[in-house]
């Protein structure tokens, strides 16, 4: 199966650069791609299905998807520019949300050959989330 043809057929692509180069790269199985998802709720909105299906097709075409869960970046809060920020979640709430999201991804992605990682594993040691939570909203 050819990933580019599949996603073009399904209307996932509007435009791209260097299609020939990308096609050449994707002739080699095992290419890696990731998409990140925040953990602010126990379920995803329907718009996330688009990204999940891209990862699913990526895997079906012989490549390795990575689901990046934002356990660390979820601690920062809502950077969307709304009038009111979403209330900060506790570590326990974030972990509950991640556990729930994992069951959703397991329905679409085979994690025998895919990865699911939590960015809190490397961000927590940097104290990055706390710094952004405290100061990032001022910029």
Protein backbone atom coordinates (compact mmCIF):
# COMPACT_ATOMS: atom_id res chain seq x y z
CA UNK A 1 0.00 0.00 0.00
CA UNK A 2 1.18 3.50 -0.77
CA UNK A 3 0.60 5.95 2.06
CA UNK A 4 0.44 9.08 -0.10
CA UNK A 5 -2.06 7.58 -2.55
CA UNK A 6 -4.25 6.36 0.30
CA UNK A 7 -4.40 9.68 2.12
CA UNK A 8 -4.86 11.61 -1.13
CA UNK A 9 -7.77 9.35 -2.06
CA UNK A 10 -9.36 10.07 1.33
CA UNK A 11 -8.92 13.84 1.03
CA UNK A 12 -6.27 14.24 3.74
CA UNK A 13 -3.92 16.30 1.55
CA UNK A 14 -4.49 19.78 0.21
CA UNK A 15 -0.93 20.42 -0.94
CA UNK A 16 2.60 19.24 -0.24
CA UNK A 17 6.18 20.01 -1.15
CA UNK A 18 8.55 17.52 -2.77
CA UNK A 19 6.02 14.78 -3.33
CA UNK A 20 8.53 12.81 -5.39
CA UNK A 21 11.09 12.95 -2.58
CA UNK A 22 8.52 11.87 0.00
CA UNK A 23 7.38 8.98 -2.19
CA UNK A 24 11.01 7.88 -2.54
CA UNK A 25 11.55 8.05 1.24
CA UNK A 26 8.40 6.05 1.93
CA UNK A 27 9.60 3.19 -0.29
CA UNK A 28 11.73 2.22 2.72
CA UNK A 29 9.48 0.64 5.37
CA UNK A 30 9.83 1.63 8.99
CA UNK A 31 9.78 5.41 8.68
CA UNK A 32 8.68 7.10 11.91
CA UNK A 33 6.06 9.80 12.42
CA UNK A 34 4.36 11.15 15.52
CA UNK A 35 1.29 13.16 16.42
CA UNK A 36 0.75 14.67 19.86
CA UNK A 37 -2.47 14.69 21.86
CA UNK A 38 -3.22 16.64 25.02
CA UNK A 39 -4.61 14.91 28.08
CA UNK A 40 -7.09 17.52 29.26
CA UNK A 41 -10.07 15.15 29.04
CA UNK A 42 -10.86 11.44 29.29
CA UNK A 43 -11.88 11.34 25.63
CA UNK A 44 -10.89 13.04 22.41
CA UNK A 45 -13.08 15.22 20.23
CA UNK A 46 -14.14 13.95 16.82
CA UNK A 47 -11.50 16.13 15.13
CA UNK A 48 -8.80 13.90 16.64
CA UNK A 49 -10.05 11.02 14.53
CA UNK A 50 -8.36 12.59 11.51
CA UNK A 51 -4.95 12.40 13.19
CA UNK A 52 -5.59 8.91 14.54
CA UNK A 53 -6.52 7.67 11.08
CA UNK A 54 -3.33 9.18 9.62
CA UNK A 55 -1.33 7.21 12.18
CA UNK A 56 -3.35 4.08 11.44
CA UNK A 57 -2.73 4.33 7.70
CA UNK A 58 0.92 5.14 8.36
CA UNK A 59 1.21 1.88 10.27
CA UNK A 60 -0.79 -0.15 7.72
CA UNK A 61 1.67 1.02 5.08
CA UNK A 62 4.60 -0.46 7.00
CA UNK A 63 5.76 2.53 9.00
CA UNK A 64 6.04 3.20 12.74
CA UNK A 65 3.63 5.63 14.38
CA UNK A 66 4.29 7.29 17.70
CA UNK A 67 1.38 8.53 19.79
CA UNK A 68 2.76 11.34 21.92
CA UNK A 69 0.63 11.96 25.00
CA UNK A 70 1.07 15.41 26.49
CA UNK A 71 1.17 14.43 30.15
CA UNK A 72 3.73 17.17 30.74
CA UNK A 73 2.37 19.86 28.47
CA UNK A 74 -1.14 19.32 29.83
CA UNK A 75 0.18 20.65 33.14
CA UNK A 76 0.85 24.03 31.52
CA UNK A 77 -2.80 24.88 30.98
CA UNK A 78 -4.73 26.09 27.97
CA UNK A 79 -2.62 28.24 25.64
CA UNK A 80 -5.44 28.89 23.17
CA UNK A 81 -5.85 32.60 23.95
CA UNK A 82 -9.34 32.27 25.41
CA UNK A 83 -10.54 34.84 27.93
CA UNK A 84 -10.29 32.28 30.73
CA UNK A 85 -7.74 29.52 30.98
CA UNK A 86 -8.82 25.98 31.63
CA UNK A 87 -8.28 25.17 35.32
CA UNK A 88 -5.03 23.28 35.95
CA UNK A 89 -5.38 19.53 36.34
CA UNK A 90 -3.75 17.45 39.06
CA UNK A 91 -1.26 14.72 38.17
CA UNK A 92 -3.92 12.19 39.18
CA UNK A 93 -6.48 13.70 36.77
CA UNK A 94 -3.95 13.77 33.94
CA UNK A 95 -3.03 10.13 34.59
CA UNK A 96 -6.71 9.13 34.59
CA UNK A 97 -7.21 10.96 31.31
CA UNK A 98 -4.16 9.27 29.78
CA UNK A 99 -5.38 5.83 30.84
CA UNK A 100 -8.72 6.51 29.20
CA UNK A 101 -7.10 7.82 26.00
CA UNK A 102 -4.90 4.74 25.76
CA UNK A 103 -8.00 2.57 25.37
CA UNK A 104 -9.13 4.75 22.45
CA UNK A 105 -5.79 4.49 20.63
CA UNK A 106 -5.62 0.73 21.19
CA UNK A 107 -8.70 0.35 18.97
CA UNK A 108 -6.88 1.87 15.99
CA UNK A 109 -3.13 1.35 16.45
CA UNK A 110 -1.23 -1.90 17.02
CA UNK A 111 1.20 -1.13 19.81
CA UNK A 112 3.27 -4.24 19.16
CA UNK A 113 5.00 -2.14 16.48
CA UNK A 114 3.97 1.41 17.47
CA UNK A 115 5.00 3.54 20.41
CA UNK A 116 3.02 5.54 22.92
CA UNK A 117 5.08 7.98 24.94
CA UNK A 118 4.31 10.58 27.58
CA UNK A 119 6.21 13.87 27.28
CA UNK A 120 6.10 14.24 31.07
CA UNK A 121 8.81 11.57 31.21
CA UNK A 122 11.38 14.09 29.98
CA UNK A 123 9.72 17.44 30.72
CA UNK A 124 9.18 16.87 34.45
CA UNK A 125 12.92 16.66 35.07
CA UNK A 126 13.42 20.04 33.41
CA UNK A 127 10.74 21.78 35.49
CA UNK A 128 9.65 23.13 32.10
CA UNK A 129 5.92 22.75 32.66
CA UNK A 130 5.98 24.69 35.91
CA UNK A 131 8.05 27.46 34.33
CA UNK A 132 5.59 27.79 31.43
CA UNK A 133 2.60 27.60 33.75
CA UNK A 134 3.98 30.45 35.86
CA UNK A 135 5.52 32.70 33.21
CA UNK A 136 4.40 31.57 29.76
CA UNK A 137 0.95 33.13 30.02
CA UNK A 138 2.56 36.58 30.19
CA UNK A 139 3.97 36.31 26.67
